[in-house]
Amino acid sequence: MRLNVAILEEAGVRVREFRAIGGGAKNPTLTQLKADVLGRPITTMAVTEAGCLGVAMLACAAETGTPLSQLVQTWVKPQSLIEPDAKRADLYGERFQAYKALYPAIRDFWLHAAASSMK
């Protein structure tokens, strides 16, 4: 997860905010872990099932003619902000540097293992 963010940012994509959606977003321990690993706050949402909410918004827009941008303003609501624990974030930051050094070897191993298992 953190490596993906690092790759995006190295490519010039600025990640402004993280929002927790889906089933895992209902677990505060998991969301806290993600905030600690990323070293960044994560916003939890009032409705965590983003796919269902999106479909409902599209249906409403089609039926009423209400612009999606207006529906987003009224339907999509943040619930809470989970801040990273500074000590754990620092520890994960140190471990991330080791992971980045190790990742190429791990990636090649798993690619080879996956190819072998497909035979």
C-alpha atoms as a PDB file:
ATOM      1  CA  MET A   1       0.000   0.000   0.000  1.00  0.00           C
ATOM      2  CA  ARG A   2       2.703   2.469   0.957  1.00  0.00           C
ATOM      3  CA  LEU A   3       4.847   1.432  -2.000  1.00  0.00           C
ATOM      4  CA  ASN A   4       1.945   2.141  -4.356  1.00  0.00           C
ATOM      5  CA  VAL A   5       1.583   5.632  -2.888  1.00  0.00           C
ATOM      6  CA  ALA A   6       5.334   6.220  -3.199  1.00  0.00           C
ATOM      7  CA  ILE A   7       5.260   5.155  -6.871  1.00  0.00           C
ATOM      8  CA  LEU A   8       2.329   7.471  -7.587  1.00  0.00           C
ATOM      9  CA  GLU A   9       4.051  10.397  -5.907  1.00  0.00           C
ATOM     10  CA  GLU A  10       7.331   9.716  -7.718  1.00  0.00           C
ATOM     11  CA  ALA A  11       5.310   9.906 -10.949  1.00  0.00           C
ATOM     12  CA  GLY A  12       4.050  13.347  -9.948  1.00  0.00           C
ATOM     13  CA  VAL A  13       0.614  12.348  -8.672  1.00  0.00           C
ATOM     14  CA  ARG A  14      -0.165  14.199  -5.449  1.00  0.00           C
ATOM     15  CA  VAL A  15      -2.204  12.068  -3.046  1.00  0.00           C
ATOM     16  CA  ARG A  16      -4.178  14.591  -1.012  1.00  0.00           C
ATOM     17  CA  GLU A  17      -6.393  12.344   1.071  1.00  0.00           C
ATOM     18  CA  PHE A  18      -7.081   8.739   1.986  1.00  0.00           C
ATOM     19  CA  ARG A  19     -10.651   7.569   2.509  1.00  0.00           C
ATOM     20  CA  ALA A  20     -11.534   4.207   3.999  1.00  0.00           C
ATOM     21  CA  ILE A  21     -14.313   2.366   2.145  1.00  0.00           C
ATOM     22  CA  GLY A  22     -15.546  -1.212   1.960  1.00  0.00           C
ATOM     23  CA  GLY A  23     -15.873  -3.811   4.675  1.00  0.00           C
ATOM     24  CA  GLY A  24     -12.425  -3.182   6.153  1.00  0.00           C
ATOM     25  CA  ALA A  25     -13.371   0.434   6.814  1.00  0.00           C
ATOM     26  CA  LYS A  26     -15.726  -0.772   9.544  1.00  0.00           C
ATOM     27  CA  ASN A  27     -12.764  -2.129  11.518  1.00  0.00           C
ATOM     28  CA  PRO A  28     -11.125   0.722  13.474  1.00  0.00           C
ATOM     29  CA  THR A  29      -8.047  -1.386  14.280  1.00  0.00           C
ATOM     30  CA  LEU A  30      -7.400  -2.113  10.609  1.00  0.00           C
ATOM     31  CA  THR A  31      -7.952   1.528   9.664  1.00  0.00           C
ATOM     32  CA  GLN A  32      -5.537   2.631  12.401  1.00  0.00           C
ATOM     33  CA  LEU A  33      -2.950   0.141  11.129  1.00  0.00           C
ATOM     34  CA  LYS A  34      -3.275   1.552   7.602  1.00  0.00           C
ATOM     35  CA  ALA A  35      -2.871   5.116   8.905  1.00  0.00           C
ATOM     36  CA  ASP A  36       0.233   4.049  10.832  1.00  0.00           C
ATOM     37  CA  VAL A  37       1.744   2.232   7.830  1.00  0.00           C
ATOM     38  CA  LEU A  38       1.041   5.139   5.486  1.00  0.00           C
ATOM     39  CA  GLY A  39       2.091   7.701   8.067  1.00  0.00           C
ATOM     40  CA  ARG A  40      -0.936   9.749   7.034  1.00  0.00           C
ATOM     41  CA  PRO A  41      -4.465  10.360   8.286  1.00  0.00           C
ATOM     42  CA  ILE A  42      -7.355   8.345   6.883  1.00  0.00           C
ATOM     43  CA  THR A  43     -10.910   9.644   6.690  1.00  0.00           C
ATOM     44  CA  THR A  44     -13.649   7.136   7.423  1.00  0.00           C
ATOM     45  CA  MET A  45     -16.916   7.638   5.608  1.00  0.00           C
ATOM     46  CA  ALA A  46     -20.496   7.561   6.888  1.00  0.00           C
ATOM     47  CA  VAL A  47     -21.373   5.094   4.094  1.00  0.00           C
ATOM     48  CA  THR A  48     -18.561   2.592   3.591  1.00  0.00           C
ATOM     49  CA  GLU A  49     -20.072   0.700   0.663  1.00  0.00           C
ATOM     50  CA  ALA A  50     -18.925   3.124  -2.024  1.00  0.00           C
ATOM     51  CA  GLY A  51     -20.057   0.971  -4.945  1.00  0.00           C
ATOM     52  CA  CYS A  52     -23.619   0.756  -3.655  1.00  0.00           C
ATOM     53  CA  LEU A  53     -23.667   4.461  -2.873  1.00  0.00           C
ATOM     54  CA  GLY A  54     -22.350   5.286  -6.342  1.00  0.00           C
ATOM     55  CA  VAL A  55     -25.016   3.203  -8.059  1.00  0.00           C
ATOM     56  CA  ALA A  56     -27.726   4.836  -5.931  1.00  0.00           C
ATOM     57  CA  MET A  57     -26.373   8.272  -6.829  1.00  0.00           C
ATOM     58  CA  LEU A  58     -26.352   7.417 -10.547  1.00  0.00           C
ATOM     59  CA  ALA A  59     -29.943   6.180 -10.325  1.00  0.00           C
ATOM     60  CA  CYS A  60     -31.003   9.331  -8.493  1.00  0.00           C
ATOM     61  CA  ALA A  61     -29.239  11.545 -11.042  1.00  0.00           C
ATOM     62  CA  ALA A  62     -30.907   9.698 -13.921  1.00  0.00           C
ATOM     63  CA  GLU A  63     -34.354   9.864 -12.336  1.00  0.00           C
ATOM     64  CA  THR A  64     -34.287  13.432 -11.014  1.00  0.00           C
ATOM     65  CA  GLY A  65     -31.787  15.161 -13.290  1.00  0.00           C
ATOM     66  CA  THR A  66     -29.792  16.259 -10.257  1.00  0.00           C
ATOM     67  CA  PRO A  67     -26.118  16.733 -11.177  1.00  0.00           C
ATOM     68  CA  LEU A  68     -23.790  14.137  -9.643  1.00  0.00           C
ATOM     69  CA  SER A  69     -21.608  16.923  -8.232  1.00  0.00           C
ATOM     70  CA  GLN A  70     -24.605  18.116  -6.207  1.00  0.00           C
ATOM     71  CA  LEU A  71     -25.429  14.593  -5.027  1.00  0.00           C
ATOM     72  CA  VAL A  72     -21.834  14.085  -3.909  1.00  0.00           C
ATOM     73  CA  GLN A  73     -22.094  17.212  -1.753  1.00  0.00           C
ATOM     74  CA  THR A  74     -25.185  15.909   0.028  1.00  0.00           C
ATOM     75  CA  TRP A  75     -24.673  12.126   0.038  1.00  0.00           C
ATOM     76  CA  VAL A  76     -20.931  11.598   0.572  1.00  0.00           C
ATOM     77  CA  LYS A  77     -20.090  12.446   4.177  1.00  0.00           C
ATOM     78  CA  PRO A  78     -16.881  11.958   6.153  1.00  0.00           C
ATOM     79  CA  GLN A  79     -17.382  10.350   9.537  1.00  0.00           C
ATOM     80  CA  SER A  80     -14.073  10.575  11.381  1.00  0.00           C
ATOM     81  CA  LEU A  81     -10.385  11.218  10.880  1.00  0.00           C
ATOM     82  CA  ILE A  82      -7.942   8.519  12.009  1.00  0.00           C
ATOM     83  CA  GLU A  83      -4.524  10.041  12.692  1.00  0.00           C
ATOM     84  CA  PRO A  84      -1.400   7.878  12.548  1.00  0.00           C
ATOM     85  CA  ASP A  85       0.297   7.076  15.833  1.00  0.00           C
ATOM     86  CA  ALA A  86       3.632   8.924  15.546  1.00  0.00           C
ATOM     87  CA  LYS A  87       5.776   6.208  17.157  1.00  0.00           C
ATOM     88  CA  ARG A  88       4.288   3.395  15.099  1.00  0.00           C
ATOM     89  CA  ALA A  89       4.416   5.491  11.914  1.00  0.00           C
ATOM     90  CA  ASP A  90       8.138   6.120  12.496  1.00  0.00           C
ATOM     91  CA  LEU A  91       8.741   2.403  13.034  1.00  0.00           C
ATOM     92  CA  TYR A  92       6.825   1.500   9.869  1.00  0.00           C
ATOM     93  CA  GLY A  93       8.768   4.209   8.026  1.00  0.00           C
ATOM     94  CA  GLU A  94      12.052   2.553   8.993  1.00  0.00           C
ATOM     95  CA  ARG A  95      10.734  -0.870   8.024  1.00  0.00           C
ATOM     96  CA  PHE A  96       9.457   0.514   4.720  1.00  0.00           C
ATOM     97  CA  GLN A  97      12.989   1.442   3.699  1.00  0.00           C
ATOM     98  CA  ALA A  98      14.080  -2.162   4.291  1.00  0.00           C
ATOM     99  CA  TYR A  99      11.022  -3.431   2.406  1.00  0.00           C
ATOM    100  CA  LYS A 100      11.832  -1.234  -0.605  1.00  0.00           C
ATOM    101  CA  ALA A 101      15.334  -2.714  -0.716  1.00  0.00           C
ATOM    102  CA  LEU A 102      14.001  -6.263  -0.402  1.00  0.00           C
ATOM    103  CA  TYR A 103      10.987  -5.911  -2.703  1.00  0.00           C
ATOM    104  CA  PRO A 104      12.688  -6.572  -6.082  1.00  0.00           C
ATOM    105  CA  ALA A 105      13.926  -9.986  -4.910  1.00  0.00           C
ATOM    106  CA  ILE A 106      10.568 -10.852  -3.362  1.00  0.00           C
ATOM    107  CA  ARG A 107       8.706  -9.754  -6.483  1.00  0.00           C
ATOM    108  CA  ASP A 108      10.880 -11.901  -8.755  1.00  0.00           C
ATOM    109  CA  PHE A 109      10.517 -14.897  -6.440  1.00  0.00           C
ATOM    110  CA  TRP A 110       6.708 -14.658  -6.378  1.00  0.00           C
ATOM    111  CA  LEU A 111       6.485 -14.090 -10.133  1.00  0.00           C
ATOM    112  CA  HIS A 112       8.560 -17.239 -10.671  1.00  0.00           C
ATOM    113  CA  ALA A 113       6.543 -19.196  -8.087  1.00  0.00           C
ATOM    114  CA  ALA A 114       3.256 -18.103  -9.663  1.00  0.00           C
ATOM    115  CA  ALA A 115       4.454 -19.069 -13.143  1.00  0.00           C
ATOM    116  CA  SER A 116       5.609 -22.474 -11.873  1.00  0.00           C
ATOM    117  CA  SER A 117       2.283 -23.186 -10.199  1.00  0.00           C
ATOM    118  CA  MET A 118       0.397 -22.506 -13.453  1.00  0.00           C
ATOM    119  CA  LYS A 119       2.150 -25.378 -15.258  1.00  0.00           C
END
